[in-house]
Amino acid sequence: MSRFLFVTWDGGGNVGPAVEIAKEMQHRGEEVRFLGQEQQRLALERAGFDFTAYSRPGSWTAIGKRDSLKNTLGFLSLLIGRGLGRDLIADVDKTQTDLVVIDCLLFGALDAASRAGLRHVVLMHSLFGAIDQKMAGGAPGMVARIVGLRPRKLWAGAELVVAATLKELDRPPQPGSPLSLNYTGPAIPEAVETAAQPSVTNILVSLSTTYIAGQTQALQHVLDALTDLPVHAVVTTGPAIDPEELRTPANAEMHRYLPHAEVMPTVSLVIGHGGHSTTMLALAHGLPLLILPMNLMFDQEIIGHAIQKNGAGVTLASSSSPTQIRAAIEQVLADGTYRQEAMRLGAAIRATRGTQAAATLLQTQAIQVELRDT
């Protein structure tokens, strides 16, 4: 048995892949624990993991409503915070650990692991091309470099980088780059291709679980677009949006939360924000998508473009009108080629068995570390 520590943060879509992989490893008899933000404790302990909270993570939370500047500064301080790195070192000093699995965006923790000589790997939980462009090459990477942290160098310095996504949709590093990715496929709940179209056209609507300015209005535009369409919509608002703030049409049912893996086998279309986990799970069920990227600072816009480029859906601006959204819904439902391409990509995703592949990769790496240390 090997001992693994997953270092994470409460960002929404980044948590699911880590949990899926950790569950698989625990099922195989490995010892797995988590280090994260206090608000993650309940969910992770209920999932069966030992959990330790950061001592000084800052005030940023994924669902906190605040002005955009304060939100951005809080988010950036979480990613580059040296305190998270100190907490990581303290945790490993206290509890024997064979391998540390660190979220790719926790630059401060990655730097601490590198400086301390900890055996660690990077978990890349979305398209590398999106994370590299938007995070390493965007504002987070710029701020990180100002304080002496170089994201690409930190990734390349790890034992390995686990890319839990579908390589066909991604833009990997250029040949000759010091950064090498190990593609495993998406780490998502088990999915099966939806066998047949239901008698009533069901649509799943789910935007980001994190707070993003303007998201309530965008969701309202989706609901307005659905009004009087011959469909039934299942809408999940997540913790960041109060359903009471929305006008719900008669053909829609509203939920704070529903497990998407249970709903998707009954739907014909997913309307989402381009989050990696939801998008990959929809494709794994063979479902086309209508994507409205909510936050252009993250990976959503690039994921949306990849889906549209591959013919598995349509991407619109989050500011699109109900009329534009309605036209896109009708287009995707009427044109069977979107479903065909989604089914093709879904077959490729299911064939990777991403969760199992990632778990095997981490187990193998831990064994190699143990052999080197003996």
Protein backbone atom coordinates (compact mmCIF):
# COMPACT_ATOMS: atom_id res chain seq x y z
CA MET A 1 0.00 0.00 0.00
CA SER A 2 1.23 3.48 -0.92
CA ARG A 3 0.27 6.74 0.78
CA PHE A 4 -0.96 9.64 -1.36
CA LEU A 5 -1.76 13.25 -0.53
CA PHE A 6 -4.00 15.22 -2.91
CA VAL A 7 -3.52 18.99 -2.65
CA THR A 8 -6.58 20.82 -3.96
CA TRP A 9 -8.75 23.94 -3.67
CA ASP A 10 -12.46 24.67 -3.91
CA GLY A 11 -12.65 25.84 -7.50
CA GLY A 12 -15.56 23.73 -8.77
CA GLY A 13 -14.63 21.62 -11.78
CA ASN A 14 -11.07 20.98 -10.61
CA VAL A 15 -12.24 18.93 -7.61
CA GLY A 16 -14.25 16.23 -9.40
CA PRO A 17 -11.33 14.65 -11.30
CA ALA A 18 -9.20 14.51 -8.14
CA VAL A 19 -12.01 12.86 -6.20
CA GLU A 20 -12.77 10.32 -8.93
CA ILE A 21 -9.11 9.29 -9.16
CA ALA A 22 -8.72 9.21 -5.37
CA LYS A 23 -11.81 7.00 -5.00
CA GLU A 24 -10.42 4.55 -7.54
CA MET A 25 -7.09 4.44 -5.75
CA GLN A 26 -8.77 3.95 -2.40
CA HIS A 27 -10.81 1.12 -3.93
CA ARG A 28 -7.52 -0.50 -4.94
CA GLY A 29 -6.33 -0.42 -1.33
CA GLU A 30 -4.18 2.71 -1.42
CA GLU A 31 -4.19 5.26 1.42
CA VAL A 32 -5.42 8.64 0.22
CA ARG A 33 -5.96 11.90 2.07
CA PHE A 34 -6.68 15.51 1.04
CA LEU A 35 -5.34 18.95 1.88
CA GLY A 36 -7.72 21.74 0.88
CA GLN A 37 -9.92 24.65 1.92
CA GLU A 38 -12.07 24.29 5.03
CA GLN A 39 -15.33 24.46 3.06
CA GLN A 40 -14.31 21.24 1.29
CA ARG A 41 -14.07 19.25 4.52
CA LEU A 42 -17.63 17.93 4.73
CA ALA A 43 -17.82 16.67 1.14
CA LEU A 44 -14.39 15.05 1.19
CA GLU A 45 -14.86 13.41 4.57
CA ARG A 46 -18.25 12.09 3.45
CA ALA A 47 -16.47 10.63 0.43
CA GLY A 48 -14.31 8.67 2.86
CA PHE A 49 -11.07 10.66 2.90
CA ASP A 50 -9.01 12.04 5.76
CA PHE A 51 -8.90 15.81 5.35
CA THR A 52 -6.74 18.67 6.58
CA ALA A 53 -7.60 22.32 5.95
CA TYR A 54 -5.11 25.04 5.06
CA SER A 55 -4.30 27.24 8.03
CA ARG A 56 -4.23 30.52 6.04
CA PRO A 57 -5.91 30.09 2.66
CA GLY A 58 -7.27 33.64 2.42
CA SER A 59 -10.92 34.69 2.16
CA TRP A 60 -11.65 33.61 -1.42
CA THR A 61 -14.51 31.16 -1.95
CA ALA A 62 -15.93 29.89 -5.22
CA ILE A 63 -19.49 31.02 -4.51
CA GLY A 64 -18.79 34.27 -2.69
CA LYS A 65 -20.44 37.28 -4.32
CA ARG A 66 -18.07 40.27 -4.35
CA ASP A 67 -16.87 42.96 -6.74
CA SER A 68 -14.77 41.63 -9.60
CA LEU A 69 -11.51 43.24 -8.45
CA LYS A 70 -11.74 41.80 -4.93
CA ASN A 71 -12.74 38.43 -6.33
CA THR A 72 -9.79 38.40 -8.74
CA LEU A 73 -7.27 39.44 -6.10
CA GLY A 74 -8.54 36.80 -3.69
CA PHE A 75 -8.35 34.14 -6.37
CA LEU A 76 -4.82 35.09 -7.39
CA SER A 77 -3.60 35.15 -3.79
CA LEU A 78 -4.92 31.61 -3.34
CA LEU A 79 -3.00 30.31 -6.35
CA ILE A 80 0.32 31.95 -5.53
CA GLY A 81 0.03 31.88 -1.74
CA ARG A 82 3.18 30.69 0.03
CA GLY A 83 1.09 29.73 3.06
CA LEU A 84 -0.44 26.79 1.20
CA GLY A 85 3.05 25.52 0.50
CA ARG A 86 4.00 25.78 4.16
CA ASP A 87 0.86 23.84 5.09
CA LEU A 88 1.79 21.17 2.55
CA ILE A 89 5.29 20.75 4.01
CA ALA A 90 3.88 20.62 7.55
CA ASP A 91 1.38 17.94 6.57
CA VAL A 92 4.01 15.75 4.91
CA ASP A 93 6.36 16.20 7.87
CA LYS A 94 3.59 14.95 10.15
CA THR A 95 2.23 12.07 8.04
CA GLN A 96 4.30 9.68 5.95
CA THR A 97 3.62 10.28 2.25
CA ASP A 98 4.90 8.44 -0.79
CA LEU A 99 3.58 10.78 -3.46
CA VAL A 100 1.89 14.20 -3.48
CA VAL A 101 -0.67 15.00 -6.21
CA ILE A 102 -0.96 18.77 -6.62
CA ASP A 103 -3.60 20.72 -8.54
CA CYS A 104 -1.90 22.34 -11.54
CA LEU A 105 -3.03 25.84 -10.53
CA LEU A 106 -1.63 25.86 -7.00
CA PHE A 107 1.65 27.49 -7.97
CA GLY A 108 2.67 28.28 -4.40
CA ALA A 109 2.20 24.68 -3.31
CA LEU A 110 4.08 23.38 -6.37
CA ASP A 111 6.98 25.69 -5.60
CA ALA A 112 7.13 24.53 -1.98
CA ALA A 113 7.09 20.88 -3.04
CA SER A 114 9.91 21.49 -5.51
CA ARG A 115 12.07 23.40 -3.03
CA ALA A 116 11.57 20.73 -0.36
CA GLY A 117 12.39 17.92 -2.76
CA LEU A 118 9.00 16.26 -2.29
CA ARG A 119 8.08 13.53 -4.76
CA HIS A 120 5.10 15.09 -6.46
CA VAL A 121 3.02 15.02 -9.63
CA VAL A 122 0.78 17.62 -11.26
CA LEU A 123 -2.90 16.97 -11.93
CA MET A 124 -3.97 18.84 -15.08
CA HIS A 125 -7.79 18.76 -14.83
CA SER A 126 -8.73 20.42 -18.12
CA LEU A 127 -7.37 20.97 -21.61
CA PHE A 128 -3.67 21.77 -21.31
CA GLY A 129 -3.97 24.29 -24.14
CA ALA A 130 -6.62 26.18 -22.18
CA ILE A 131 -4.81 26.11 -18.84
CA ASP A 132 -1.52 27.05 -20.46
CA GLN A 133 -2.99 29.97 -22.40
CA LYS A 134 -5.45 31.35 -19.87
CA MET A 135 -3.64 30.64 -16.62
CA ALA A 136 0.11 30.27 -17.21
CA GLY A 137 0.02 32.78 -20.07
CA GLY A 138 -2.71 34.99 -18.63
CA ALA A 139 -3.09 37.18 -15.57
CA PRO A 140 -2.50 34.40 -13.00
CA GLY A 141 0.78 33.45 -14.67
CA MET A 142 1.85 37.08 -14.93
CA VAL A 143 1.22 37.68 -11.22
CA ALA A 144 2.95 34.41 -10.36
CA ARG A 145 6.06 35.48 -12.28
CA ILE A 146 6.14 38.81 -10.47
CA VAL A 147 6.56 36.94 -7.16
CA GLY A 148 9.10 34.52 -8.62
CA LEU A 149 6.85 31.59 -9.58
CA ARG A 150 7.05 30.25 -13.13
CA PRO A 151 4.05 27.97 -13.80
CA ARG A 152 5.45 26.10 -16.81
CA LYS A 153 8.77 25.50 -15.04
CA LEU A 154 6.90 24.26 -11.96
CA TRP A 155 4.87 21.83 -14.06
CA ALA A 156 7.95 20.56 -15.88
CA GLY A 157 9.77 20.06 -12.57
CA ALA A 158 7.29 17.52 -11.24
CA GLU A 159 7.76 13.75 -11.43
CA LEU A 160 5.07 13.73 -14.12
CA VAL A 161 2.03 15.66 -15.32
CA VAL A 162 -1.25 13.77 -15.47
CA ALA A 163 -3.46 15.31 -18.17
CA ALA A 164 -6.96 14.07 -17.34
CA THR A 165 -8.56 15.05 -20.63
CA LEU A 166 -9.09 13.83 -24.19
CA LYS A 167 -5.96 14.46 -26.23
CA GLU A 168 -7.96 14.79 -29.47
CA LEU A 169 -9.56 18.00 -28.17
CA ASP A 170 -6.36 19.45 -26.74
CA ARG A 171 -3.34 21.42 -27.91
CA PRO A 172 -0.36 19.66 -26.28
CA PRO A 173 3.05 21.31 -25.72
CA GLN A 174 5.19 21.97 -28.76
CA PRO A 175 7.73 19.29 -29.72
CA GLY A 176 10.95 19.84 -27.83
CA SER A 177 9.19 21.43 -24.87
CA PRO A 178 10.60 20.42 -21.45
CA LEU A 179 7.02 19.73 -20.39
CA SER A 180 5.73 16.24 -21.14
CA LEU A 181 2.07 15.32 -20.60
CA ASN A 182 0.70 11.90 -19.72
CA TYR A 183 -2.81 11.82 -21.21
CA THR A 184 -5.16 9.48 -19.37
CA GLY A 185 -8.57 10.60 -20.59
CA PRO A 186 -11.12 12.52 -18.49
CA ALA A 187 -11.57 11.39 -14.88
CA ILE A 188 -15.37 11.43 -14.73
CA PRO A 189 -18.10 9.15 -13.37
CA GLU A 190 -18.79 6.04 -15.43
CA ALA A 191 -20.94 6.90 -18.45
CA VAL A 192 -22.77 4.99 -21.16
CA GLU A 193 -23.94 6.30 -24.48
CA THR A 194 -27.58 7.32 -24.36
CA ALA A 195 -29.27 4.45 -26.19
CA ALA A 196 -32.18 6.25 -27.80
CA GLN A 197 -33.85 9.62 -27.92
CA PRO A 198 -36.54 9.87 -25.20
CA SER A 199 -40.13 10.38 -26.34
CA VAL A 200 -40.05 13.88 -24.84
CA THR A 201 -37.03 16.04 -25.68
CA ASN A 202 -35.30 16.64 -22.37
CA ILE A 203 -32.58 19.27 -21.96
CA LEU A 204 -30.16 19.63 -19.07
CA VAL A 205 -29.20 23.22 -18.25
CA SER A 206 -26.25 23.72 -15.91
CA LEU A 207 -23.95 26.71 -15.73
CA SER A 208 -20.99 27.15 -13.39
CA THR A 209 -21.22 26.16 -9.72
CA THR A 210 -18.95 29.11 -8.89
CA TYR A 211 -20.06 32.74 -8.66
CA ILE A 212 -19.51 34.68 -11.87
CA ALA A 213 -20.87 38.18 -12.43
CA GLY A 214 -23.71 38.16 -14.96
CA GLN A 215 -24.42 34.45 -14.65
CA THR A 216 -27.92 34.91 -13.25
CA GLN A 217 -28.90 37.03 -16.26
CA ALA A 218 -27.39 34.52 -18.67
CA LEU A 219 -29.37 31.69 -17.07
CA GLN A 220 -32.52 33.76 -17.27
CA HIS A 221 -31.93 34.26 -20.98
CA VAL A 222 -31.66 30.48 -21.37
CA LEU A 223 -34.93 29.99 -19.48
CA ASP A 224 -36.62 32.64 -21.62
CA ALA A 225 -35.32 30.90 -24.75
CA LEU A 226 -36.85 27.61 -23.59
CA THR A 227 -40.28 29.13 -22.99
CA ASP A 228 -42.92 27.50 -25.24
CA LEU A 229 -40.39 25.19 -26.92
CA PRO A 230 -41.68 21.57 -27.10
CA VAL A 231 -39.06 20.40 -24.60
CA HIS A 232 -38.70 19.64 -20.90
CA ALA A 233 -35.76 21.32 -19.19
CA VAL A 234 -34.00 20.13 -16.06
CA VAL A 235 -32.15 23.12 -14.63
CA THR A 236 -29.50 23.05 -11.90
CA THR A 237 -28.54 26.43 -10.48
CA GLY A 238 -25.72 25.37 -8.17
CA PRO A 239 -24.95 27.16 -4.90
CA ALA A 240 -24.05 30.48 -6.51
CA ILE A 241 -27.52 31.31 -7.92
CA ASP A 242 -30.73 31.62 -5.93
CA PRO A 243 -33.60 29.99 -7.89
CA GLU A 244 -35.94 32.58 -6.40
CA GLU A 245 -34.20 35.22 -8.52
CA LEU A 246 -35.30 33.50 -11.73
CA ARG A 247 -38.52 33.36 -13.75
CA THR A 248 -39.03 29.67 -14.45
CA PRO A 249 -41.12 28.67 -17.48
CA ALA A 250 -43.75 25.95 -17.18
CA ASN A 251 -41.65 23.45 -19.16
CA ALA A 252 -38.69 23.63 -16.77
CA GLU A 253 -37.97 22.14 -13.35
CA MET A 254 -35.48 23.88 -11.08
CA HIS A 255 -32.97 22.24 -8.75
CA ARG A 256 -30.08 23.53 -6.68
CA TYR A 257 -28.24 20.28 -7.35
CA LEU A 258 -28.74 17.00 -9.18
CA PRO A 259 -26.04 14.41 -10.04
CA HIS A 260 -25.47 15.01 -13.75
CA ALA A 261 -24.43 11.41 -14.31
CA GLU A 262 -27.95 10.34 -13.29
CA VAL A 263 -29.74 12.93 -15.43
CA MET A 264 -27.75 12.74 -18.67
CA PRO A 265 -28.98 9.31 -19.84
CA THR A 266 -32.47 10.85 -20.17
CA VAL A 267 -31.61 14.03 -22.11
CA SER A 268 -30.92 14.99 -25.72
CA LEU A 269 -28.93 18.20 -25.23
CA VAL A 270 -26.80 19.81 -22.54
CA ILE A 271 -26.66 23.59 -22.21
CA GLY A 272 -23.58 24.49 -20.17
CA HIS A 273 -20.81 27.00 -19.58
CA GLY A 274 -17.94 24.99 -21.04
CA GLY A 275 -16.66 23.62 -17.75
CA HIS A 276 -14.38 20.68 -18.46
CA SER A 277 -16.04 18.09 -16.21
CA THR A 278 -19.62 18.78 -17.36
CA THR A 279 -18.56 18.96 -21.00
CA MET A 280 -16.62 15.69 -20.91
CA LEU A 281 -19.43 13.91 -19.06
CA ALA A 282 -21.97 15.11 -21.64
CA LEU A 283 -19.78 13.87 -24.49
CA ALA A 284 -19.23 10.56 -22.70
CA HIS A 285 -23.01 10.10 -22.85
CA GLY A 286 -22.98 10.98 -26.55
CA LEU A 287 -24.76 14.29 -25.99
CA PRO A 288 -24.27 17.45 -28.09
CA LEU A 289 -23.79 20.76 -26.31
CA LEU A 290 -24.76 24.40 -26.44
CA ILE A 291 -22.00 26.26 -24.60
CA LEU A 292 -22.19 29.76 -23.14
CA PRO A 293 -18.76 30.48 -21.60
CA MET A 294 -19.28 32.41 -18.38
CA ASN A 295 -15.72 33.38 -17.47
CA LEU A 296 -13.26 34.21 -20.25
CA MET A 297 -10.39 34.11 -17.75
CA PHE A 298 -10.77 30.34 -17.40
CA ASP A 299 -10.82 27.42 -19.84
CA GLN A 300 -14.48 27.67 -20.85
CA GLU A 301 -14.13 29.69 -24.04
CA ILE A 302 -11.38 27.41 -25.42
CA ILE A 303 -13.37 24.29 -24.54
CA GLY A 304 -16.40 25.77 -26.26
CA HIS A 305 -14.39 26.48 -29.41
CA ALA A 306 -13.00 22.91 -29.36
CA ILE A 307 -16.51 21.47 -29.15
CA GLN A 308 -17.75 23.64 -32.01
CA LYS A 309 -14.66 22.93 -34.12
CA ASN A 310 -15.25 19.20 -33.71
CA GLY A 311 -18.91 19.53 -34.69
CA ALA A 312 -20.30 18.32 -31.35
CA GLY A 313 -22.13 21.51 -30.48
CA VAL A 314 -22.48 25.27 -30.78
CA THR A 315 -20.83 27.99 -28.70
CA LEU A 316 -22.41 31.40 -28.11
CA ALA A 317 -21.38 34.44 -26.10
CA SER A 318 -22.78 34.50 -22.57
CA SER A 319 -24.46 37.80 -23.46
CA SER A 320 -26.53 36.17 -26.22
CA SER A 321 -30.20 37.07 -26.35
CA PRO A 322 -33.02 34.57 -25.73
CA THR A 323 -33.76 34.67 -29.47
CA GLN A 324 -30.17 33.70 -30.34
CA ILE A 325 -30.11 30.96 -27.73
CA ARG A 326 -33.44 29.58 -28.89
CA ALA A 327 -32.21 29.43 -32.50
CA ALA A 328 -29.10 27.54 -31.40
CA ILE A 329 -31.16 25.04 -29.38
CA GLU A 330 -33.39 24.35 -32.38
CA GLN A 331 -30.34 24.06 -34.65
CA VAL A 332 -28.55 21.47 -32.51
CA LEU A 333 -31.69 19.42 -31.90
CA ALA A 334 -32.67 19.40 -35.59
CA ASP A 335 -29.25 18.60 -37.08
CA GLY A 336 -28.30 15.00 -36.31
CA THR A 337 -24.63 15.54 -37.17
CA TYR A 338 -24.09 17.24 -33.81
CA ARG A 339 -25.28 14.11 -32.05
CA GLN A 340 -23.16 11.90 -34.31
CA GLU A 341 -19.97 13.83 -33.54
CA ALA A 342 -20.78 13.86 -29.82
CA MET A 343 -21.24 10.08 -29.96
CA ARG A 344 -17.89 9.69 -31.73
CA LEU A 345 -16.06 11.75 -29.12
CA GLY A 346 -17.99 9.97 -26.38
CA ALA A 347 -16.79 6.59 -27.60
CA ALA A 348 -13.21 7.89 -27.53
CA ILE A 349 -13.65 9.19 -23.97
CA ARG A 350 -15.14 5.95 -22.69
CA ALA A 351 -12.36 3.94 -24.33
CA THR A 352 -9.69 5.81 -22.36
CA ARG A 353 -11.12 4.72 -18.99
CA GLY A 354 -9.56 7.91 -17.70
CA THR A 355 -10.13 7.45 -13.99
CA GLN A 356 -8.62 3.97 -13.98
CA ALA A 357 -5.75 5.04 -16.25
CA ALA A 358 -4.87 7.98 -14.00
CA ALA A 359 -4.99 5.82 -10.87
CA THR A 360 -2.69 3.24 -12.46
CA LEU A 361 -0.27 5.96 -13.53
CA LEU A 362 -0.08 7.35 -9.99
CA GLN A 363 0.33 3.90 -8.46
CA THR A 364 3.15 3.11 -10.86
CA GLN A 365 4.85 6.41 -10.08
CA ALA A 366 4.60 5.79 -6.34
CA ILE A 367 6.21 2.37 -6.74
CA GLN A 368 9.04 3.88 -8.79
CA VAL A 369 9.59 6.51 -6.10
CA GLU A 370 9.71 3.83 -3.41
CA LEU A 371 12.22 1.77 -5.43
CA ARG A 372 14.45 4.82 -5.94
CA ASP A 373 14.39 5.58 -2.25
CA THR A 374 15.36 2.03 -1.15
